[in-house]
Every structure is written in structure tokens, then in C-alpha cells.
PDB file of N, CA and C in Angstrom:
ATOM      1  N   UNK A   1       0.710  -1.227   0.000  1.00  0.00           N
ATOM      2  CA  UNK A   1       0.066   0.023  -0.012  1.00  0.00           C
ATOM      3  C   UNK A   1       0.836   1.250  -0.016  1.00  0.00           C
ATOM      4  N   UNK A   2       1.937   1.302   0.806  1.00  0.00           N
ATOM      5  CA  UNK A   2       2.712   2.393   0.913  1.00  0.00           C
ATOM      6  C   UNK A   2       3.390   2.618  -0.348  1.00  0.00           C
ATOM      7  N   UNK A   3       3.688   1.712  -1.186  1.00  0.00           N
ATOM      8  CA  UNK A   3       4.404   1.720  -2.488  1.00  0.00           C
ATOM      9  C   UNK A   3       3.335   2.625  -3.511  1.00  0.00           C
ATOM     10  N   UNK A   4       2.227   2.237  -3.476  1.00  0.00           N
ATOM     11  CA  UNK A   4       1.178   2.892  -4.317  1.00  0.00           C
ATOM     12  C   UNK A   4       1.199   4.525  -3.826  1.00  0.00           C
ATOM     13  N   UNK A   5       1.209   4.895  -2.498  1.00  0.00           N
ATOM     14  CA  UNK A   5       1.415   6.108  -2.006  1.00  0.00           C
ATOM     15  C   UNK A   5       2.397   6.818  -2.495  1.00  0.00           C
ATOM     16  N   UNK A   6       3.663   6.350  -2.666  1.00  0.00           N
ATOM     17  CA  UNK A   6       4.943   6.851  -3.055  1.00  0.00           C
ATOM     18  C   UNK A   6       4.708   7.286  -4.664  1.00  0.00           C
ATOM     19  N   UNK A   7       4.154   6.264  -5.469  1.00  0.00           N
ATOM     20  CA  UNK A   7       3.999   6.585  -6.774  1.00  0.00           C
ATOM     21  C   UNK A   7       3.051   7.802  -6.995  1.00  0.00           C
ATOM     22  N   UNK A   8       1.956   7.902  -6.358  1.00  0.00           N
ATOM     23  CA  UNK A   8       1.056   9.001  -6.305  1.00  0.00           C
ATOM     24  C   UNK A   8       1.863  10.332  -5.929  1.00  0.00           C
ATOM     25  N   UNK A   9       2.529  10.196  -4.791  1.00  0.00           N
ATOM     26  CA  UNK A   9       3.243  11.355  -4.301  1.00  0.00           C
ATOM     27  C   UNK A   9       4.372  11.788  -5.643  1.00  0.00           C
ATOM     28  N   UNK A  10       5.001  10.783  -6.089  1.00  0.00           N
ATOM     29  CA  UNK A  10       5.984  11.196  -7.128  1.00  0.00           C
ATOM     30  C   UNK A  10       5.175  11.586  -8.438  1.00  0.00           C
ATOM     31  N   UNK A  11       4.062  11.377  -8.833  1.00  0.00           N
ATOM     32  CA  UNK A  11       3.392  11.969 -10.100  1.00  0.00           C
ATOM     33  C   UNK A  11       3.010  13.332  -9.446  1.00  0.00           C
ATOM     34  N   UNK A  12       2.418  13.620  -8.279  1.00  0.00           N
ATOM     35  CA  UNK A  12       1.828  14.830  -7.973  1.00  0.00           C
ATOM     36  C   UNK A  12       2.941  15.808  -7.972  1.00  0.00           C
ATOM     37  N   UNK A  13       4.335  15.440  -7.411  1.00  0.00           N
ATOM     38  CA  UNK A  13       5.441  16.466  -7.263  1.00  0.00           C
ATOM     39  C   UNK A  13       5.857  16.565  -8.887  1.00  0.00           C
ATOM     40  N   UNK A  14       5.856  15.446  -9.589  1.00  0.00           N
ATOM     41  CA  UNK A  14       6.228  15.836 -11.096  1.00  0.00           C
ATOM     42  C   UNK A  14       5.449  16.800 -11.788  1.00  0.00           C
ATOM     43  N   UNK A  15       4.110  16.670 -11.579  1.00  0.00           N
ATOM     44  CA  UNK A  15       3.241  17.693 -12.115  1.00  0.00           C
ATOM     45  C   UNK A  15       3.664  19.103 -11.678  1.00  0.00           C
ATOM     46  N   UNK A  16       3.844  19.236 -10.275  1.00  0.00           N
ATOM     47  CA  UNK A  16       4.068  20.358  -9.831  1.00  0.00           C
ATOM     48  C   UNK A  16       5.285  21.160 -10.469  1.00  0.00           C
ATOM     49  N   UNK A  17       6.349  20.259 -10.818  1.00  0.00           N
ATOM     50  CA  UNK A  17       7.729  20.858 -11.254  1.00  0.00           C
ATOM     51  C   UNK A  17       7.279  21.173 -12.656  1.00  0.00           C
ATOM     52  N   UNK A  18       6.477  20.590 -13.584  1.00  0.00           N
ATOM     53  CA  UNK A  18       6.183  20.949 -14.920  1.00  0.00           C
ATOM     54  C   UNK A  18       5.246  22.284 -14.838  1.00  0.00           C
ATOM     55  N   UNK A  19       4.430  22.293 -13.778  1.00  0.00           N
ATOM     56  CA  UNK A  19       3.725  23.593 -13.688  1.00  0.00           C
ATOM     57  C   UNK A  19       4.507  24.709 -13.358  1.00  0.00           C
ATOM     58  N   UNK A  20       5.446  24.574 -12.323  1.00  0.00           N
ATOM     59  CA  UNK A  20       6.455  25.627 -12.091  1.00  0.00           C
ATOM     60  C   UNK A  20       7.429  26.130 -13.337  1.00  0.00           C
ATOM     61  N   UNK A  21       7.747  25.004 -13.889  1.00  0.00           N
ATOM     62  CA  UNK A  21       8.709  25.375 -15.282  1.00  0.00           C
ATOM     63  C   UNK A  21       7.653  26.205 -16.298  1.00  0.00           C
ATOM     64  N   UNK A  22       6.431  25.953 -16.493  1.00  0.00           N
ATOM     65  CA  UNK A  22       5.644  26.515 -17.437  1.00  0.00           C
ATOM     66  C   UNK A  22       5.330  28.045 -16.804  1.00  0.00           C
ATOM     67  N   UNK A  23       5.049  28.063 -15.546  1.00  0.00           N
ATOM     68  CA  UNK A  23       5.034  29.450 -15.000  1.00  0.00           C
ATOM     69  C   UNK A  23       6.111  30.499 -15.254  1.00  0.00           C
ATOM     70  N   UNK A  24       7.392  29.849 -15.239  1.00  0.00           N
ATOM     71  CA  UNK A  24       8.458  30.621 -15.468  1.00  0.00           C
ATOM     72  C   UNK A  24       8.787  31.011 -17.069  1.00  0.00           C
ATOM     73  N   UNK A  25       8.049  30.455 -17.635  1.00  0.00           N
ATOM     74  CA  UNK A  25       8.056  30.865 -19.415  1.00  0.00           C
ATOM     75  C   UNK A  25       7.515  32.212 -19.524  1.00  0.00           C
ATOM     76  N   UNK A  26       8.571  33.209 -20.019  1.00  0.00           N
ATOM     77  CA  UNK A  26       8.103  34.433 -20.162  1.00  0.00           C
ATOM     78  C   UNK A  26       7.042  34.758 -21.117  1.00  0.00           C
ATOM     79  N   UNK A  27       6.973  33.836 -22.240  1.00  0.00           N
ATOM     80  CA  UNK A  27       6.318  34.198 -23.429  1.00  0.00           C
ATOM     81  C   UNK A  27       5.447  32.893 -23.842  1.00  0.00           C
ATOM     82  N   UNK A  28       4.388  32.688 -23.202  1.00  0.00           N
ATOM     83  CA  UNK A  28       3.639  31.508 -23.593  1.00  0.00           C
ATOM     84  C   UNK A  28       2.803  31.647 -25.061  1.00  0.00           C
ATOM     85  N   UNK A  29       2.812  33.021 -25.307  1.00  0.00           N
ATOM     86  CA  UNK A  29       2.254  33.093 -26.736  1.00  0.00           C
ATOM     87  C   UNK A  29       3.203  32.714 -27.863  1.00  0.00           C
ATOM     88  N   UNK A  30       4.452  32.798 -27.526  1.00  0.00           N
ATOM     89  CA  UNK A  30       5.627  32.461 -28.561  1.00  0.00           C
ATOM     90  C   UNK A  30       5.479  30.823 -28.517  1.00  0.00           C
ATOM     91  N   UNK A  31       5.285  30.056 -27.301  1.00  0.00           N
ATOM     92  CA  UNK A  31       5.232  28.697 -27.342  1.00  0.00           C
ATOM     93  C   UNK A  31       4.118  28.337 -28.143  1.00  0.00           C
ATOM     94  N   UNK A  32       2.935  28.976 -27.860  1.00  0.00           N
ATOM     95  CA  UNK A  32       1.890  28.453 -28.654  1.00  0.00           C
ATOM     96  C   UNK A  32       1.939  28.661 -30.080  1.00  0.00           C
ATOM     97  N   UNK A  33       2.655  29.766 -30.401  1.00  0.00           N
ATOM     98  CA  UNK A  33       2.966  30.075 -31.885  1.00  0.00           C
ATOM     99  C   UNK A  33       3.728  28.995 -32.430  1.00  0.00           C
ATOM    100  N   UNK A  34       4.744  28.442 -31.674  1.00  0.00           N
ATOM    101  CA  UNK A  34       5.867  27.488 -32.168  1.00  0.00           C
ATOM    102  C   UNK A  34       5.014  26.168 -32.461  1.00  0.00           C
ATOM    103  N   UNK A  35       4.118  25.849 -31.712  1.00  0.00           N
ATOM    104  CA  UNK A  35       3.248  24.643 -31.734  1.00  0.00           C
ATOM    105  C   UNK A  35       2.554  24.683 -33.001  1.00  0.00           C
ATOM    106  N   UNK A  36       1.707  25.809 -33.204  1.00  0.00           N
ATOM    107  CA  UNK A  36       0.855  26.068 -34.139  1.00  0.00           C
ATOM    108  C   UNK A  36       1.666  26.048 -35.476  1.00  0.00           C
ATOM    109  N   UNK A  37       2.942  26.600 -35.666  1.00  0.00           N
ATOM    110  CA  UNK A  37       3.561  26.610 -36.959  1.00  0.00           C
ATOM    111  C   UNK A  37       3.816  25.037 -37.281  1.00  0.00           C
ATOM    112  N   UNK A  38       4.488  24.468 -36.255  1.00  0.00           N
ATOM    113  CA  UNK A  38       4.833  22.964 -36.402  1.00  0.00           C
ATOM    114  C   UNK A  38       3.529  22.155 -36.979  1.00  0.00           C
ATOM    115  N   UNK A  39       2.447  22.297 -36.296  1.00  0.00           N
ATOM    116  CA  UNK A  39       1.301  21.536 -36.699  1.00  0.00           C
ATOM    117  C   UNK A  39       0.893  21.940 -38.052  1.00  0.00           C
ATOM    118  N   UNK A  40       0.972  23.221 -38.449  1.00  0.00           N
ATOM    119  CA  UNK A  40       0.563  23.512 -39.887  1.00  0.00           C
ATOM    120  C   UNK A  40       1.539  22.843 -41.004  1.00  0.00           C
ATOM    121  N   UNK A  41       2.850  22.655 -40.354  1.00  0.00           N
ATOM    122  CA  UNK A  41       3.645  21.847 -41.321  1.00  0.00           C
ATOM    123  C   UNK A  41       3.626  20.420 -41.341  1.00  0.00           C
ATOM    124  N   UNK A  42       2.592  19.866 -40.412  1.00  0.00           N
ATOM    125  CA  UNK A  42       2.469  18.503 -40.519  1.00  0.00           C
ATOM    126  C   UNK A  42       3.624  17.714 -39.783  1.00  0.00           C
ATOM    127  N   UNK A  43       4.324  18.489 -38.717  1.00  0.00           N
ATOM    128  CA  UNK A  43       5.381  17.900 -38.190  1.00  0.00           C
ATOM    129  C   UNK A  43       4.959  16.847 -37.228  1.00  0.00           C
ATOM    130  N   UNK A  44       5.887  15.933 -37.124  1.00  0.00           N
ATOM    131  CA  UNK A  44       5.668  14.824 -36.165  1.00  0.00           C
ATOM    132  C   UNK A  44       5.746  15.311 -34.484  1.00  0.00           C
ATOM    133  N   UNK A  45       5.257  14.677 -33.931  1.00  0.00           N
ATOM    134  CA  UNK A  45       5.202  15.091 -32.313  1.00  0.00           C
ATOM    135  C   UNK A  45       6.741  15.171 -31.911  1.00  0.00           C
ATOM    136  N   UNK A  46       7.566  14.312 -32.268  1.00  0.00           N
ATOM    137  CA  UNK A  46       9.034  14.492 -31.964  1.00  0.00           C
ATOM    138  C   UNK A  46       9.384  15.722 -32.342  1.00  0.00           C
ATOM    139  N   UNK A  47       9.314  16.290 -33.388  1.00  0.00           N
ATOM    140  CA  UNK A  47       9.783  17.516 -34.058  1.00  0.00           C
ATOM    141  C   UNK A  47       9.277  18.604 -33.075  1.00  0.00           C
ATOM    142  N   UNK A  48       7.885  18.520 -32.800  1.00  0.00           N
ATOM    143  CA  UNK A  48       7.187  19.633 -31.900  1.00  0.00           C
ATOM    144  C   UNK A  48       7.930  19.531 -30.532  1.00  0.00           C
ATOM    145  N   UNK A  49       8.007  18.342 -29.982  1.00  0.00           N
ATOM    146  CA  UNK A  49       8.551  18.221 -28.594  1.00  0.00           C
ATOM    147  C   UNK A  49      10.019  18.932 -28.538  1.00  0.00           C
ATOM    148  N   UNK A  50      10.772  18.524 -29.568  1.00  0.00           N
ATOM    149  CA  UNK A  50      12.116  19.272 -29.666  1.00  0.00           C
ATOM    150  C   UNK A  50      12.232  20.732 -29.716  1.00  0.00           C
ATOM    151  N   UNK A  51      11.340  21.354 -30.477  1.00  0.00           N
ATOM    152  CA  UNK A  51      11.204  22.699 -30.607  1.00  0.00           C
ATOM    153  C   UNK A  51      10.755  23.354 -29.363  1.00  0.00           C
ATOM    154  N   UNK A  52       9.830  22.470 -28.589  1.00  0.00           N
ATOM    155  CA  UNK A  52       9.671  23.177 -27.198  1.00  0.00           C
ATOM    156  C   UNK A  52      10.820  22.968 -26.325  1.00  0.00           C
ATOM    157  N   UNK A  53      11.497  21.918 -26.244  1.00  0.00           N
ATOM    158  CA  UNK A  53      12.529  21.882 -25.252  1.00  0.00           C
ATOM    159  C   UNK A  53      13.499  22.893 -25.635  1.00  0.00           C
ATOM    160  N   UNK A  54      13.757  23.244 -27.007  1.00  0.00           N
ATOM    161  CA  UNK A  54      14.858  24.306 -27.350  1.00  0.00           C
ATOM    162  C   UNK A  54      14.197  25.681 -26.911  1.00  0.00           C
ATOM    163  N   UNK A  55      13.046  25.904 -27.146  1.00  0.00           N
ATOM    164  CA  UNK A  55      12.487  26.988 -26.536  1.00  0.00           C
ATOM    165  C   UNK A  55      12.648  27.167 -25.043  1.00  0.00           C
ATOM    166  N   UNK A  56      12.367  26.288 -24.416  1.00  0.00           N
ATOM    167  CA  UNK A  56      12.564  26.444 -22.925  1.00  0.00           C
ATOM    168  C   UNK A  56      13.686  26.345 -22.448  1.00  0.00           C
ATOM    169  N   UNK A  57      14.944  25.625 -23.081  1.00  0.00           N
ATOM    170  CA  UNK A  57      16.151  25.871 -22.590  1.00  0.00           C
ATOM    171  C   UNK A  57      16.766  27.280 -23.037  1.00  0.00           C
ATOM    172  N   UNK A  58      16.344  27.801 -24.153  1.00  0.00           N
ATOM    173  CA  UNK A  58      16.853  29.175 -24.776  1.00  0.00           C
ATOM    174  C   UNK A  58      16.180  30.353 -23.894  1.00  0.00           C
ATOM    175  N   UNK A  59      14.912  30.042 -23.429  1.00  0.00           N
ATOM    176  CA  UNK A  59      14.050  30.960 -22.906  1.00  0.00           C
ATOM    177  C   UNK A  59      14.629  32.036 -22.030  1.00  0.00           C
TER     178      UNK A  59
END
């Protein structure tokens, strides 16, 4: 039972880390635009994910 609680705790804290990273993004409109541009080009999910990672790192 304790193992299940630990997994839930990890998931909750993991989500909080992602939320905090997104809160730190200065320009969510730019991120949205990047996703939109790649979707219009029929890019694969991997390409979109790489563009997002690059944006976040350079942000």
C-alpha cells in the first residue's frame, strides 16, 4: 500500500515541477505560436517536442 502512495506522491510532485517550469516561461504566446507553426507543417510529435525543449532551454 505504501508503494502506491509513493507513486502517487511522485506523480503529484512531478506535475508540480512541470507547472512551475511553465509558470517561469516569459512568453507563452511564443510557445503557442511554435506549436501552431509546426502543426501547420504536419510535423511529427517528436519535432514539436524538440522545438518546445529548445524554446524552454533558450527561454
